[in-house]
Amino acid sequence: MELQAETREAFGRDIAALRVSGRIPAELYGHGVENLHLNVSLKDFHKVFKEAGENTVVEIVINGKKHPTLIYDVQMDPVSDEVVHADFYVVRMDEKIKAKIPVEFEGEAPAVKEKSGILVKALQEIEVEALPGDLPHNIKVDVSILIDIDMSIHIKDLPAVKGVEILMDPETVIATMTAQMTEEEEAALAGPTDVTEVKVETEEEKAAREAEKLATGEAPKETPKETPKDQKKDTKAK
């Protein structure tokens, strides 16, 4: 896979004009390699990045010379979500490197449909070591073997890939099947309501209202008391 690049003279404010022309700034660097400021076609970069990702070797071609690289870093515009910059790391094809390979889940877990289980995907990428040319584009994980609740797929369950060493604990869970929580379990997880805090908050609000009334000259309401005249009427009625 190849990507044509040109050396770049545009820096600072000139970068905006470069992007308007349909190209993006890029950097090429690596161990024992001179750092080069480049620009590449945004359209071509999209095509290569979609196919290669960050763990497949891309040949950067500059003035006819090819440089084996990995797409090391991609910067996105926070508003438009468009690529605005890319870094290419030069690799030696005879030296092993470490890389994080994305996990691709495939298949359907029978326990989801048959036992109302919940599929929990615990890992999204797996760290490996391999020669650049042996790095897999992704690691496929078939979840169709999860036929019952509490079943899991571990690193140790992955089939061996020639030339690729996984650098993670074999017991690490990649995916697992769990049961749905009952209403009682959800209630217990939520915990009891703290009525003390509710009571204190209500009293504070009441005190604040009374203070506001006093400040505005409005007397607080009290329960009306019987006058001597009312008491006399009650006595006569009896």
Protein backbone atom coordinates (compact mmCIF):
# COMPACT_ATOMS: atom_id res chain seq x y z
CA MET A 1 0.00 0.00 0.00
CA GLU A 2 1.48 3.34 -1.07
CA LEU A 3 0.81 7.00 -0.39
CA GLN A 4 2.41 9.78 -2.38
CA ALA A 5 3.82 12.70 -0.36
CA GLU A 6 5.59 15.97 -1.03
CA THR A 7 8.05 17.88 1.11
CA ARG A 8 6.39 20.83 2.78
CA GLU A 9 7.41 24.47 2.94
CA ALA A 10 4.13 25.71 4.42
CA PHE A 11 4.15 26.40 8.16
CA GLY A 12 2.13 28.47 10.59
CA ARG A 13 -0.62 30.47 8.91
CA ASP A 14 0.20 28.97 5.51
CA ILE A 15 -1.17 25.62 6.74
CA ALA A 16 -4.73 26.90 6.33
CA ALA A 17 -4.17 27.55 2.61
CA LEU A 18 -2.65 24.06 2.30
CA ARG A 19 -5.77 22.46 3.76
CA VAL A 20 -8.04 24.52 1.50
CA SER A 21 -6.18 23.03 -1.48
CA GLY A 22 -7.19 19.53 -0.36
CA ARG A 23 -3.93 18.54 1.31
CA ILE A 24 -2.91 18.12 4.96
CA PRO A 25 0.43 18.61 6.74
CA ALA A 26 2.30 15.50 7.88
CA GLU A 27 5.53 14.48 9.59
CA LEU A 28 7.80 11.55 8.82
CA TYR A 29 10.25 10.36 11.47
CA GLY A 30 11.77 7.27 13.03
CA HIS A 31 14.91 5.81 14.58
CA GLY A 32 17.94 6.90 12.59
CA VAL A 33 15.81 8.80 10.06
CA GLU A 34 15.88 12.52 9.38
CA ASN A 35 12.62 14.23 10.28
CA LEU A 36 10.77 15.36 7.13
CA HIS A 37 7.92 17.88 6.89
CA LEU A 38 5.42 16.60 4.33
CA ASN A 39 2.00 17.18 2.87
CA VAL A 40 -0.32 14.53 1.47
CA SER A 41 -3.63 14.47 -0.35
CA LEU A 42 -6.49 14.33 2.16
CA LYS A 43 -8.55 12.19 -0.21
CA ASP A 44 -5.72 9.68 -0.69
CA PHE A 45 -5.00 9.64 3.03
CA HIS A 46 -8.62 8.79 3.84
CA LYS A 47 -8.48 5.83 1.46
CA VAL A 48 -5.21 4.47 2.85
CA PHE A 49 -6.11 5.04 6.50
CA LYS A 50 -9.45 3.27 6.10
CA GLU A 51 -7.70 0.21 4.69
CA ALA A 52 -4.48 0.20 6.71
CA GLY A 53 -5.43 1.67 10.07
CA GLU A 54 -2.50 2.19 12.44
CA ASN A 55 -0.92 -1.26 12.25
CA THR A 56 -0.42 -2.00 8.55
CA VAL A 57 2.72 -0.89 6.73
CA VAL A 58 2.20 2.04 4.37
CA GLU A 59 4.90 2.96 1.85
CA ILE A 60 5.33 6.75 1.86
CA VAL A 61 6.70 7.73 -1.56
CA ILE A 62 8.75 10.96 -1.67
CA ASN A 63 10.39 11.88 -4.99
CA GLY A 64 10.28 8.24 -6.03
CA LYS A 65 11.85 6.93 -2.81
CA LYS A 66 9.78 4.60 -0.64
CA HIS A 67 9.76 4.66 3.16
CA PRO A 68 8.02 1.82 5.06
CA THR A 69 5.93 3.45 7.79
CA LEU A 70 3.06 3.01 10.20
CA ILE A 71 0.44 5.73 10.59
CA TYR A 72 1.48 6.71 14.09
CA ASP A 73 -0.84 9.57 14.98
CA VAL A 74 -3.82 11.28 13.38
CA GLN A 75 -5.17 14.63 14.59
CA MET A 76 -8.83 15.49 14.04
CA ASP A 77 -10.60 18.83 14.02
CA PRO A 78 -12.81 18.88 17.16
CA VAL A 79 -15.67 20.61 15.32
CA SER A 80 -15.71 19.08 11.82
CA ASP A 81 -14.11 15.75 12.86
CA GLU A 82 -11.95 16.01 9.75
CA VAL A 83 -8.30 14.91 9.61
CA VAL A 84 -6.00 17.92 9.96
CA HIS A 85 -2.56 16.32 10.51
CA ALA A 86 -0.85 12.93 10.35
CA ASP A 87 2.41 11.41 11.58
CA PHE A 88 4.21 8.55 9.84
CA TYR A 89 6.71 6.45 11.79
CA VAL A 90 9.45 4.82 9.71
CA VAL A 91 10.01 1.15 10.60
CA ARG A 92 12.63 -1.42 9.75
CA MET A 93 11.10 -4.49 8.19
CA ASP A 94 13.62 -6.76 9.96
CA GLU A 95 12.96 -5.44 13.48
CA LYS A 96 10.01 -6.46 15.63
CA ILE A 97 7.80 -3.72 17.00
CA LYS A 98 4.98 -3.54 19.54
CA ALA A 99 1.53 -2.47 18.43
CA LYS A 100 -2.05 -2.46 19.69
CA ILE A 101 -4.31 -4.35 17.32
CA PRO A 102 -8.07 -3.64 17.32
CA VAL A 103 -10.44 -6.47 18.20
CA GLU A 104 -13.19 -7.29 15.72
CA PHE A 105 -16.07 -9.24 17.24
CA GLU A 106 -17.98 -11.50 14.89
CA GLY A 107 -20.84 -13.98 15.11
CA GLU A 108 -23.80 -14.02 17.49
CA ALA A 109 -23.75 -15.30 21.06
CA PRO A 110 -26.58 -17.86 21.53
CA ALA A 111 -26.88 -16.98 25.23
CA VAL A 112 -28.11 -13.50 24.31
CA LYS A 113 -31.18 -14.76 22.45
CA GLU A 114 -31.83 -18.02 24.24
CA LYS A 115 -31.07 -17.01 27.85
CA SER A 116 -31.50 -13.22 27.75
CA GLY A 117 -27.83 -12.78 28.57
CA ILE A 118 -25.83 -9.59 28.15
CA LEU A 119 -22.63 -9.69 26.06
CA VAL A 120 -19.88 -7.63 27.69
CA LYS A 121 -16.99 -6.74 25.38
CA ALA A 122 -14.12 -6.24 27.81
CA LEU A 123 -11.31 -5.50 25.32
CA GLN A 124 -11.20 -3.31 22.25
CA GLU A 125 -7.54 -3.86 21.36
CA ILE A 126 -4.75 -6.35 22.10
CA GLU A 127 -1.06 -5.55 22.39
CA VAL A 128 1.26 -7.71 20.28
CA GLU A 129 4.84 -7.85 19.05
CA ALA A 130 5.80 -8.80 15.49
CA LEU A 131 7.75 -7.77 12.44
CA PRO A 132 6.00 -4.83 10.72
CA GLY A 133 5.03 -7.01 7.78
CA ASP A 134 3.42 -9.62 10.07
CA LEU A 135 1.19 -7.25 12.02
CA PRO A 136 -2.46 -8.26 11.58
CA HIS A 137 -4.97 -5.60 10.56
CA ASN A 138 -7.28 -6.78 13.35
CA ILE A 139 -7.85 -9.75 15.65
CA LYS A 140 -11.17 -11.51 15.08
CA VAL A 141 -13.03 -12.90 18.10
CA ASP A 142 -15.97 -15.26 17.44
CA VAL A 143 -18.58 -14.83 20.19
CA SER A 144 -20.80 -17.65 18.88
CA ILE A 145 -19.16 -20.00 21.38
CA LEU A 146 -20.84 -18.16 24.27
CA ILE A 147 -23.82 -20.47 24.71
CA ASP A 148 -24.41 -19.99 28.45
CA ILE A 149 -24.35 -17.36 31.19
CA ASP A 150 -20.94 -16.76 32.85
CA MET A 151 -19.02 -18.13 29.86
CA SER A 152 -16.02 -16.03 28.76
CA ILE A 153 -13.42 -15.78 26.02
CA HIS A 154 -9.85 -15.22 27.21
CA ILE A 155 -6.60 -14.27 25.53
CA LYS A 156 -5.53 -17.89 25.85
CA ASP A 157 -8.50 -18.94 23.71
CA LEU A 158 -7.28 -17.04 20.64
CA PRO A 159 -5.77 -19.12 17.83
CA ALA A 160 -2.03 -18.67 17.32
CA VAL A 161 -0.94 -16.36 14.49
CA LYS A 162 2.40 -17.10 12.90
CA GLY A 163 5.00 -14.48 13.72
CA VAL A 164 2.75 -12.65 16.19
CA GLU A 165 3.30 -12.75 19.97
CA ILE A 166 0.53 -11.50 22.25
CA LEU A 167 1.95 -9.46 25.13
CA MET A 168 -0.99 -9.80 27.52
CA ASP A 169 -1.86 -12.14 30.40
CA PRO A 170 -3.44 -15.32 28.93
CA GLU A 171 -6.20 -15.13 31.55
CA THR A 172 -7.32 -11.65 30.45
CA VAL A 173 -11.02 -11.68 29.52
CA ILE A 174 -11.88 -10.44 26.03
CA ALA A 175 -15.65 -10.97 26.22
CA THR A 176 -18.02 -12.49 28.75
CA MET A 177 -21.70 -13.35 29.09
CA THR A 178 -23.57 -12.06 32.13
CA ALA A 179 -27.17 -12.41 33.33
CA GLN A 180 -29.56 -9.49 33.44
CA MET A 181 -30.09 -8.04 36.92
CA THR A 182 -33.39 -8.64 38.69
CA GLU A 183 -35.44 -5.71 40.01
CA GLU A 184 -34.30 -6.58 43.55
CA GLU A 185 -30.64 -6.50 42.49
CA GLU A 186 -31.10 -3.15 40.73
CA ALA A 187 -32.77 -1.72 43.83
CA ALA A 188 -29.97 -3.01 46.07
CA LEU A 189 -27.38 -1.53 43.72
CA ALA A 190 -29.12 1.85 43.83
CA GLY A 191 -29.02 1.80 47.66
CA PRO A 192 -31.48 3.29 50.21
CA THR A 193 -32.61 6.90 50.05
CA ASP A 194 -30.94 9.10 52.68
CA VAL A 195 -34.02 10.64 54.38
CA THR A 196 -31.80 12.59 56.77
CA GLU A 197 -30.44 14.71 53.95
CA VAL A 198 -33.94 15.29 52.59
CA LYS A 199 -35.18 16.46 56.04
CA VAL A 200 -32.23 18.79 56.59
CA GLU A 201 -32.64 20.28 53.15
CA THR A 202 -36.35 20.94 53.78
CA GLU A 203 -35.67 22.65 57.12
CA GLU A 204 -33.00 24.83 55.56
CA GLU A 205 -35.39 25.87 52.81
CA LYS A 206 -38.08 26.70 55.38
CA ALA A 207 -35.64 28.80 57.43
CA ALA A 208 -34.58 30.66 54.31
CA ARG A 209 -38.19 31.46 53.44
CA GLU A 210 -38.93 32.78 56.95
CA ALA A 211 -35.80 34.94 56.89
CA GLU A 212 -36.85 36.37 53.54
CA LYS A 213 -40.29 37.27 54.90
CA LEU A 214 -38.76 39.04 57.90
CA ALA A 215 -36.42 40.97 55.65
CA THR A 216 -39.37 42.23 53.57
CA GLY A 217 -41.41 43.16 56.67
CA GLU A 218 -43.93 40.35 56.33
CA ALA A 219 -44.64 38.66 59.66
CA PRO A 220 -44.48 34.87 59.66
CA LYS A 221 -47.83 33.13 59.71
CA GLU A 222 -48.88 31.67 63.05
CA THR A 223 -51.82 29.54 64.09
CA PRO A 224 -54.68 31.95 65.11
CA LYS A 225 -55.47 31.94 68.84
CA GLU A 226 -58.95 32.15 70.36
CA THR A 227 -59.90 35.59 71.69
CA PRO A 228 -61.77 36.01 75.05
CA LYS A 229 -64.89 36.85 73.00
CA ASP A 230 -64.66 33.57 71.09
CA GLN A 231 -64.17 31.64 74.32
CA LYS A 232 -67.30 33.31 75.77
CA LYS A 233 -69.33 32.32 72.71
CA ASP A 234 -68.17 28.72 73.08
CA THR A 235 -69.26 28.70 76.76
CA LYS A 236 -72.74 29.91 75.88
CA ALA A 237 -73.09 27.37 73.15
CA LYS A 238 -72.30 24.59 75.61
